[in-house]
Amino acid sequence: MTDDIAAAAHTSDIPFSPDGYVGDPAVRADWDNRYADRQRLWSGRPNGALVAEVAGLTPGRVLDVGCGEGADAVWLARTGWEVTALDVSGVALERAAGHARDAGVTVNWVHAALTEAATAPASFDLVSAQYPALLRTPDAAAERALLGAVAPGGVLLLVHHAGMETQQAHDNGFDPADYVWPSMVAALLDDDWVVEVDEQRPRVAPDGGAGAHHTDDLVLRARRLRGGR
């Protein structure tokens, strides 16, 4: 973990400086450029799978991984969760912070990659990763970071676009084999976990925004029974 992570954590009224970023600068620059190219990249509404799966959970501490422009984070805060939301893009976090101010909610924003963010281990009642762009590594660092953030009794909710995992590399350079998919996280679950949902289902898609053309979700919801050995 990086010692200067405190420089990357912000309340919703503090601007985000690239100097405070913790992670790969090239990844940050790529996502900053994607967001800067459009006034709004996503729909501005919370993801349908998140809304469905969180219903019935008692609000507690939640980590929103790859929070983007903040729709999920703001919705979670409105429904009583104590939200920590992280993203690699400072452009996205600036927008997210503005949405939180407009909604009158407090979110702890972290400008960092998941694997570099010095959040306390096993400290979140819910870890939500909605369509995350997590790069694969030989040591499964991103998968283990997702699992490691969940407190005993807490839930990991990982949602992704169905069908992408088996696609071939695209002409634009995107190769699905470079990224983490729900099956890879599920493969790491041991008897400290119980799988509550592992299925493909029709997507409840917000109107507009990138990714709106995807019609089906992969949904993995797993509960941590106890701490790892």
C-alpha atoms as a PDB file:
ATOM      1  CA  MET A   1       0.000   0.000   0.000  1.00  0.00           C
ATOM      2  CA  THR A   2       1.098   3.569  -0.586  1.00  0.00           C
ATOM      3  CA  ASP A   3       1.771   5.765   2.422  1.00  0.00           C
ATOM      4  CA  ASP A   4       0.445   8.973   0.867  1.00  0.00           C
ATOM      5  CA  ILE A   5      -3.055   7.587   0.249  1.00  0.00           C
ATOM      6  CA  ALA A   6      -4.507  10.321   2.467  1.00  0.00           C
ATOM      7  CA  ALA A   7      -3.752  12.768  -0.316  1.00  0.00           C
ATOM      8  CA  ALA A   8      -6.155  10.854  -2.546  1.00  0.00           C
ATOM      9  CA  ALA A   9      -9.161  10.895  -0.204  1.00  0.00           C
ATOM     10  CA  HIS A  10     -11.528  13.841  -0.485  1.00  0.00           C
ATOM     11  CA  THR A  11     -14.826  15.066   0.834  1.00  0.00           C
ATOM     12  CA  SER A  12     -17.387  16.051  -1.750  1.00  0.00           C
ATOM     13  CA  ASP A  13     -16.482  19.767  -1.758  1.00  0.00           C
ATOM     14  CA  ILE A  14     -12.728  19.410  -2.411  1.00  0.00           C
ATOM     15  CA  PRO A  15     -11.398  19.369  -5.993  1.00  0.00           C
ATOM     16  CA  PHE A  16      -9.328  16.427  -7.196  1.00  0.00           C
ATOM     17  CA  SER A  17      -5.705  16.989  -8.077  1.00  0.00           C
ATOM     18  CA  PRO A  18      -3.877  14.559 -10.360  1.00  0.00           C
ATOM     19  CA  ASP A  19      -0.945  14.891  -7.943  1.00  0.00           C
ATOM     20  CA  GLY A  20      -2.965  13.012  -5.337  1.00  0.00           C
ATOM     21  CA  TYR A  21      -3.697  10.023  -7.539  1.00  0.00           C
ATOM     22  CA  VAL A  22      -2.498   6.598  -6.416  1.00  0.00           C
ATOM     23  CA  GLY A  23      -2.148   4.165  -9.306  1.00  0.00           C
ATOM     24  CA  ASP A  24      -0.916   3.859 -12.886  1.00  0.00           C
ATOM     25  CA  PRO A  25      -0.755   7.347 -14.486  1.00  0.00           C
ATOM     26  CA  ALA A  26      -1.445   5.896 -17.942  1.00  0.00           C
ATOM     27  CA  VAL A  27      -4.697   4.304 -16.745  1.00  0.00           C
ATOM     28  CA  ARG A  28      -5.744   7.570 -15.118  1.00  0.00           C
ATOM     29  CA  ALA A  29      -4.974   9.531 -18.286  1.00  0.00           C
ATOM     30  CA  ASP A  30      -6.918   7.084 -20.461  1.00  0.00           C
ATOM     31  CA  TRP A  31     -10.054   7.353 -18.328  1.00  0.00           C
ATOM     32  CA  ASP A  32      -9.722  11.109 -17.882  1.00  0.00           C
ATOM     33  CA  ASN A  33      -9.663  11.443 -21.659  1.00  0.00           C
ATOM     34  CA  ARG A  34     -12.753   9.243 -22.030  1.00  0.00           C
ATOM     35  CA  TYR A  35     -14.719  11.367 -19.586  1.00  0.00           C
ATOM     36  CA  ALA A  36     -13.425  14.669 -20.978  1.00  0.00           C
ATOM     37  CA  ASP A  37     -14.634  13.714 -24.454  1.00  0.00           C
ATOM     38  CA  ARG A  38     -18.268  13.764 -23.313  1.00  0.00           C
ATOM     39  CA  GLN A  39     -20.229  16.055 -21.040  1.00  0.00           C
ATOM     40  CA  ARG A  40     -21.763  12.956 -19.448  1.00  0.00           C
ATOM     41  CA  LEU A  41     -20.528   9.423 -20.061  1.00  0.00           C
ATOM     42  CA  TRP A  42     -23.116   7.440 -18.081  1.00  0.00           C
ATOM     43  CA  SER A  43     -26.877   7.721 -17.594  1.00  0.00           C
ATOM     44  CA  GLY A  44     -26.841   9.472 -14.225  1.00  0.00           C
ATOM     45  CA  ARG A  45     -29.101   6.788 -12.728  1.00  0.00           C
ATOM     46  CA  PRO A  46     -28.107   3.982 -10.336  1.00  0.00           C
ATOM     47  CA  ASN A  47     -27.478   0.581 -11.880  1.00  0.00           C
ATOM     48  CA  GLY A  48     -30.538  -1.663 -11.838  1.00  0.00           C
ATOM     49  CA  ALA A  49     -28.750  -4.748 -10.525  1.00  0.00           C
ATOM     50  CA  LEU A  50     -27.378  -2.744  -7.612  1.00  0.00           C
ATOM     51  CA  VAL A  51     -30.813  -1.404  -6.703  1.00  0.00           C
ATOM     52  CA  ALA A  52     -32.323  -4.897  -6.865  1.00  0.00           C
ATOM     53  CA  GLU A  53     -29.600  -6.655  -4.883  1.00  0.00           C
ATOM     54  CA  VAL A  54     -29.243  -4.015  -2.155  1.00  0.00           C
ATOM     55  CA  ALA A  55     -32.966  -4.107  -1.374  1.00  0.00           C
ATOM     56  CA  GLY A  56     -33.298  -5.860   1.952  1.00  0.00           C
ATOM     57  CA  LEU A  57     -29.731  -5.227   3.097  1.00  0.00           C
ATOM     58  CA  THR A  58     -29.243  -3.192   6.258  1.00  0.00           C
ATOM     59  CA  PRO A  59     -27.276  -0.047   5.354  1.00  0.00           C
ATOM     60  CA  GLY A  60     -23.745   0.074   6.684  1.00  0.00           C
ATOM     61  CA  ARG A  61     -20.367   0.861   5.172  1.00  0.00           C
ATOM     62  CA  VAL A  62     -20.103   0.427   1.404  1.00  0.00           C
ATOM     63  CA  LEU A  63     -17.198   0.623  -1.033  1.00  0.00           C
ATOM     64  CA  ASP A  64     -18.242   1.658  -4.563  1.00  0.00           C
ATOM     65  CA  VAL A  65     -15.469   0.422  -6.876  1.00  0.00           C
ATOM     66  CA  GLY A  66     -15.094   2.368 -10.120  1.00  0.00           C
ATOM     67  CA  CYS A  67     -17.752   4.879  -9.115  1.00  0.00           C
ATOM     68  CA  GLY A  68     -17.539   6.943 -12.306  1.00  0.00           C
ATOM     69  CA  GLU A  69     -19.779   9.996 -12.236  1.00  0.00           C
ATOM     70  CA  GLY A  70     -21.275   8.932  -8.916  1.00  0.00           C
ATOM     71  CA  ALA A  71     -24.845   7.826  -9.620  1.00  0.00           C
ATOM     72  CA  ASP A  72     -24.547   4.656  -7.533  1.00  0.00           C
ATOM     73  CA  ALA A  73     -22.633   6.399  -4.739  1.00  0.00           C
ATOM     74  CA  VAL A  74     -25.216   9.162  -4.447  1.00  0.00           C
ATOM     75  CA  TRP A  75     -28.098   6.673  -4.488  1.00  0.00           C
ATOM     76  CA  LEU A  76     -26.456   4.565  -1.792  1.00  0.00           C
ATOM     77  CA  ALA A  77     -25.850   7.623   0.383  1.00  0.00           C
ATOM     78  CA  ARG A  78     -29.465   8.697  -0.034  1.00  0.00           C
ATOM     79  CA  THR A  79     -30.629   5.288   1.152  1.00  0.00           C
ATOM     80  CA  GLY A  80     -28.602   5.420   4.346  1.00  0.00           C
ATOM     81  CA  TRP A  81     -25.243   3.879   3.451  1.00  0.00           C
ATOM     82  CA  GLU A  82     -21.915   5.335   4.574  1.00  0.00           C
ATOM     83  CA  VAL A  83     -20.226   5.509   1.189  1.00  0.00           C
ATOM     84  CA  THR A  84     -16.592   5.363   0.158  1.00  0.00           C
ATOM     85  CA  ALA A  85     -16.308   5.644  -3.611  1.00  0.00           C
ATOM     86  CA  LEU A  86     -13.141   5.285  -5.653  1.00  0.00           C
ATOM     87  CA  ASP A  87     -12.175   5.819  -9.259  1.00  0.00           C
ATOM     88  CA  VAL A  88      -9.035   6.294 -11.317  1.00  0.00           C
ATOM     89  CA  SER A  89     -10.453   9.332 -13.152  1.00  0.00           C
ATOM     90  CA  GLY A  90     -10.234  12.724 -11.528  1.00  0.00           C
ATOM     91  CA  VAL A  91     -12.576  14.092 -14.194  1.00  0.00           C
ATOM     92  CA  ALA A  92     -15.223  11.555 -13.188  1.00  0.00           C
ATOM     93  CA  LEU A  93     -14.739  12.260  -9.490  1.00  0.00           C
ATOM     94  CA  GLU A  94     -15.154  16.004 -10.014  1.00  0.00           C
ATOM     95  CA  ARG A  95     -18.525  15.319 -11.622  1.00  0.00           C
ATOM     96  CA  ALA A  96     -19.456  12.818  -8.931  1.00  0.00           C
ATOM     97  CA  ALA A  97     -18.616  15.289  -6.181  1.00  0.00           C
ATOM     98  CA  GLY A  98     -20.840  17.871  -7.846  1.00  0.00           C
ATOM     99  CA  HIS A  99     -23.735  15.418  -8.011  1.00  0.00           C
ATOM    100  CA  ALA A 100     -23.273  14.631  -4.321  1.00  0.00           C
ATOM    101  CA  ARG A 101     -23.329  18.328  -3.429  1.00  0.00           C
ATOM    102  CA  ASP A 102     -26.494  18.819  -5.474  1.00  0.00           C
ATOM    103  CA  ALA A 103     -28.105  15.852  -3.688  1.00  0.00           C
ATOM    104  CA  GLY A 104     -27.028  17.062  -0.260  1.00  0.00           C
ATOM    105  CA  VAL A 105     -25.232  13.829   0.633  1.00  0.00           C
ATOM    106  CA  THR A 106     -21.763  13.056   1.923  1.00  0.00           C
ATOM    107  CA  VAL A 107     -19.461  10.631   0.148  1.00  0.00           C
ATOM    108  CA  ASN A 108     -15.814   9.878   0.878  1.00  0.00           C
ATOM    109  CA  TRP A 109     -14.126  10.073  -2.523  1.00  0.00           C
ATOM    110  CA  VAL A 110     -10.842   8.267  -3.196  1.00  0.00           C
ATOM    111  CA  HIS A 111      -8.776   9.007  -6.306  1.00  0.00           C
ATOM    112  CA  ALA A 112      -6.970   5.692  -6.650  1.00  0.00           C
ATOM    113  CA  ALA A 113      -6.859   2.315  -8.309  1.00  0.00           C
ATOM    114  CA  LEU A 114      -8.538  -0.434  -6.320  1.00  0.00           C
ATOM    115  CA  THR A 115      -5.302  -2.315  -5.757  1.00  0.00           C
ATOM    116  CA  GLU A 116      -3.537   0.831  -4.504  1.00  0.00           C
ATOM    117  CA  ALA A 117      -6.280   2.288  -2.305  1.00  0.00           C
ATOM    118  CA  ALA A 118      -5.327   1.960   1.364  1.00  0.00           C
ATOM    119  CA  THR A 119      -8.786   1.192   2.638  1.00  0.00           C
ATOM    120  CA  ALA A 120      -8.867  -0.844   5.824  1.00  0.00           C
ATOM    121  CA  PRO A 121      -9.109  -4.573   5.036  1.00  0.00           C
ATOM    122  CA  ALA A 122     -12.320  -6.459   5.797  1.00  0.00           C
ATOM    123  CA  SER A 123     -14.092  -3.219   6.732  1.00  0.00           C
ATOM    124  CA  PHE A 124     -17.062  -2.881   4.340  1.00  0.00           C
ATOM    125  CA  ASP A 125     -20.536  -4.361   4.760  1.00  0.00           C
ATOM    126  CA  LEU A 126     -20.993  -4.103   0.995  1.00  0.00           C
ATOM    127  CA  VAL A 127     -18.428  -3.941  -1.793  1.00  0.00           C
ATOM    128  CA  SER A 128     -20.135  -2.977  -5.045  1.00  0.00           C
ATOM    129  CA  ALA A 129     -18.360  -3.251  -8.391  1.00  0.00           C
ATOM    130  CA  GLN A 130     -20.704  -2.447 -11.261  1.00  0.00           C
ATOM    131  CA  TYR A 131     -19.170  -3.226 -14.672  1.00  0.00           C
ATOM    132  CA  PRO A 132     -15.630  -2.502 -13.411  1.00  0.00           C
ATOM    133  CA  ALA A 133     -12.600  -2.259 -15.710  1.00  0.00           C
ATOM    134  CA  LEU A 134     -10.193  -4.155 -13.476  1.00  0.00           C
ATOM    135  CA  LEU A 135      -6.997  -5.324 -15.128  1.00  0.00           C
ATOM    136  CA  ARG A 136      -5.898  -8.932 -14.636  1.00  0.00           C
ATOM    137  CA  THR A 137      -2.503  -9.656 -13.117  1.00  0.00           C
ATOM    138  CA  PRO A 138      -0.725 -12.969 -12.491  1.00  0.00           C
ATOM    139  CA  ASP A 139      -1.263 -12.607  -8.745  1.00  0.00           C
ATOM    140  CA  ALA A 140      -5.010 -11.863  -9.102  1.00  0.00           C
ATOM    141  CA  ALA A 141      -4.464  -8.591  -7.220  1.00  0.00           C
ATOM    142  CA  ALA A 142      -7.773  -6.974  -8.213  1.00  0.00           C
ATOM    143  CA  GLU A 143      -9.831 -10.072  -7.424  1.00  0.00           C
ATOM    144  CA  ARG A 144      -8.177 -10.407  -4.029  1.00  0.00           C
ATOM    145  CA  ALA A 145      -8.635  -6.691  -3.319  1.00  0.00           C
ATOM    146  CA  LEU A 146     -12.383  -7.012  -3.923  1.00  0.00           C
ATOM    147  CA  LEU A 147     -12.663  -9.995  -1.606  1.00  0.00           C
ATOM    148  CA  GLY A 148     -10.324  -8.562   0.992  1.00  0.00           C
ATOM    149  CA  ALA A 149     -12.378  -5.399   1.439  1.00  0.00           C
ATOM    150  CA  VAL A 150     -15.513  -7.259   2.590  1.00  0.00           C
ATOM    151  CA  ALA A 151     -16.127  -7.502   6.347  1.00  0.00           C
ATOM    152  CA  PRO A 152     -17.261 -10.795   7.913  1.00  0.00           C
ATOM    153  CA  GLY A 153     -21.017 -10.927   7.376  1.00  0.00           C
ATOM    154  CA  GLY A 154     -20.712  -8.490   4.482  1.00  0.00           C
ATOM    155  CA  VAL A 155     -21.543  -8.878   0.791  1.00  0.00           C
ATOM    156  CA  LEU A 156     -19.572  -8.603  -2.421  1.00  0.00           C
ATOM    157  CA  LEU A 157     -21.739  -7.605  -5.386  1.00  0.00           C
ATOM    158  CA  LEU A 158     -20.004  -7.844  -8.758  1.00  0.00           C
ATOM    159  CA  VAL A 159     -21.992  -7.136 -11.918  1.00  0.00           C
ATOM    160  CA  HIS A 160     -20.722  -7.262 -15.476  1.00  0.00           C
ATOM    161  CA  HIS A 161     -21.903  -7.423 -19.077  1.00  0.00           C
ATOM    162  CA  ALA A 162     -22.736 -10.971 -20.138  1.00  0.00           C
ATOM    163  CA  GLY A 163     -20.937 -12.320 -23.163  1.00  0.00           C
ATOM    164  CA  MET A 164     -17.905 -10.047 -23.070  1.00  0.00           C
ATOM    165  CA  GLU A 165     -15.662 -12.482 -21.245  1.00  0.00           C
ATOM    166  CA  THR A 166     -15.537 -14.862 -24.218  1.00  0.00           C
ATOM    167  CA  GLN A 167     -15.144 -12.245 -26.963  1.00  0.00           C
ATOM    168  CA  GLN A 168     -11.999 -11.971 -29.041  1.00  0.00           C
ATOM    169  CA  ALA A 169      -9.734  -8.936 -28.929  1.00  0.00           C
ATOM    170  CA  HIS A 170     -11.273  -5.914 -30.647  1.00  0.00           C
ATOM    171  CA  ASP A 171      -9.672  -3.888 -33.434  1.00  0.00           C
ATOM    172  CA  ASN A 172      -9.580  -0.854 -31.127  1.00  0.00           C
ATOM    173  CA  GLY A 173      -7.152  -2.651 -28.822  1.00  0.00           C
ATOM    174  CA  PHE A 174      -9.647  -3.796 -26.191  1.00  0.00           C
ATOM    175  CA  ASP A 175      -8.989  -7.404 -25.221  1.00  0.00           C
ATOM    176  CA  PRO A 176     -11.440  -8.979 -22.761  1.00  0.00           C
ATOM    177  CA  ALA A 177      -8.685 -11.372 -21.684  1.00  0.00           C
ATOM    178  CA  ASP A 178      -6.932  -8.414 -20.029  1.00  0.00           C
ATOM    179  CA  TYR A 179      -9.774  -7.828 -17.552  1.00  0.00           C
ATOM    180  CA  VAL A 180     -11.334  -9.404 -14.481  1.00  0.00           C
ATOM    181  CA  TRP A 181     -14.724 -11.092 -14.905  1.00  0.00           C
ATOM    182  CA  PRO A 182     -17.116 -12.497 -12.260  1.00  0.00           C
ATOM    183  CA  SER A 183     -16.095 -16.106 -12.940  1.00  0.00           C
ATOM    184  CA  MET A 184     -12.514 -15.258 -11.958  1.00  0.00           C
ATOM    185  CA  VAL A 185     -13.629 -13.847  -8.613  1.00  0.00           C
ATOM    186  CA  ALA A 186     -16.000 -16.760  -8.016  1.00  0.00           C
ATOM    187  CA  ALA A 187     -13.105 -19.164  -8.570  1.00  0.00           C
ATOM    188  CA  LEU A 188     -11.303 -17.687  -5.544  1.00  0.00           C
ATOM    189  CA  LEU A 189     -14.189 -18.139  -3.116  1.00  0.00           C
ATOM    190  CA  ASP A 190     -13.506 -20.713  -0.433  1.00  0.00           C
ATOM    191  CA  ASP A 191     -15.559 -22.019   2.480  1.00  0.00           C
ATOM    192  CA  ASP A 192     -15.283 -18.648   4.198  1.00  0.00           C
ATOM    193  CA  TRP A 193     -17.886 -17.500   1.653  1.00  0.00           C
ATOM    194  CA  VAL A 194     -21.379 -18.476   0.555  1.00  0.00           C
ATOM    195  CA  VAL A 195     -22.584 -17.651  -2.956  1.00  0.00           C
ATOM    196  CA  GLU A 196     -26.075 -16.140  -2.800  1.00  0.00           C
ATOM    197  CA  VAL A 197     -26.462 -15.269  -6.491  1.00  0.00           C
ATOM    198  CA  ASP A 198     -24.412 -16.375  -9.497  1.00  0.00           C
ATOM    199  CA  GLU A 199     -26.461 -15.987 -12.644  1.00  0.00           C
ATOM    200  CA  GLN A 200     -27.073 -14.320 -15.961  1.00  0.00           C
ATOM    201  CA  ARG A 201     -30.211 -12.203 -16.142  1.00  0.00           C
ATOM    202  CA  PRO A 202     -31.786  -9.519 -18.323  1.00  0.00           C
ATOM    203  CA  ARG A 203     -30.293  -6.158 -17.575  1.00  0.00           C
ATOM    204  CA  VAL A 204     -32.395  -3.376 -16.077  1.00  0.00           C
ATOM    205  CA  ALA A 205     -30.679  -0.702 -18.114  1.00  0.00           C
ATOM    206  CA  PRO A 206     -30.839   3.027 -17.386  1.00  0.00           C
ATOM    207  CA  ASP A 207     -31.771   5.139 -20.393  1.00  0.00           C
ATOM    208  CA  GLY A 208     -28.785   6.509 -22.278  1.00  0.00           C
ATOM    209  CA  GLY A 209     -25.126   6.456 -21.391  1.00  0.00           C
ATOM    210  CA  ALA A 210     -22.290   4.235 -22.538  1.00  0.00           C
ATOM    211  CA  GLY A 211     -23.007   0.523 -22.321  1.00  0.00           C
ATOM    212  CA  ALA A 212     -26.764   0.930 -22.695  1.00  0.00           C
ATOM    213  CA  HIS A 213     -26.734  -1.532 -25.614  1.00  0.00           C
ATOM    214  CA  HIS A 214     -25.807  -4.474 -23.365  1.00  0.00           C
ATOM    215  CA  THR A 215     -28.931  -6.519 -22.669  1.00  0.00           C
ATOM    216  CA  ASP A 216     -27.841  -9.113 -20.088  1.00  0.00           C
ATOM    217  CA  ASP A 217     -25.908  -9.011 -16.828  1.00  0.00           C
ATOM    218  CA  LEU A 218     -23.705 -11.457 -15.018  1.00  0.00           C
ATOM    219  CA  VAL A 219     -24.469 -11.038 -11.320  1.00  0.00           C
ATOM    220  CA  LEU A 220     -22.286 -12.470  -8.562  1.00  0.00           C
ATOM    221  CA  ARG A 221     -23.359 -11.864  -4.985  1.00  0.00           C
ATOM    222  CA  ALA A 222     -21.365 -13.590  -2.243  1.00  0.00           C
ATOM    223  CA  ARG A 223     -21.471 -13.213   1.521  1.00  0.00           C
ATOM    224  CA  ARG A 224     -18.362 -13.499   3.666  1.00  0.00           C
ATOM    225  CA  LEU A 225     -19.081 -15.785   6.591  1.00  0.00           C
ATOM    226  CA  ARG A 226     -15.847 -15.166   8.482  1.00  0.00           C
ATOM    227  CA  GLY A 227     -12.360 -13.772   8.079  1.00  0.00           C
ATOM    228  CA  GLY A 228      -9.845 -15.519   5.878  1.00  0.00           C
ATOM    229  CA  ARG A 229      -7.353 -17.928   7.335  1.00  0.00           C
END
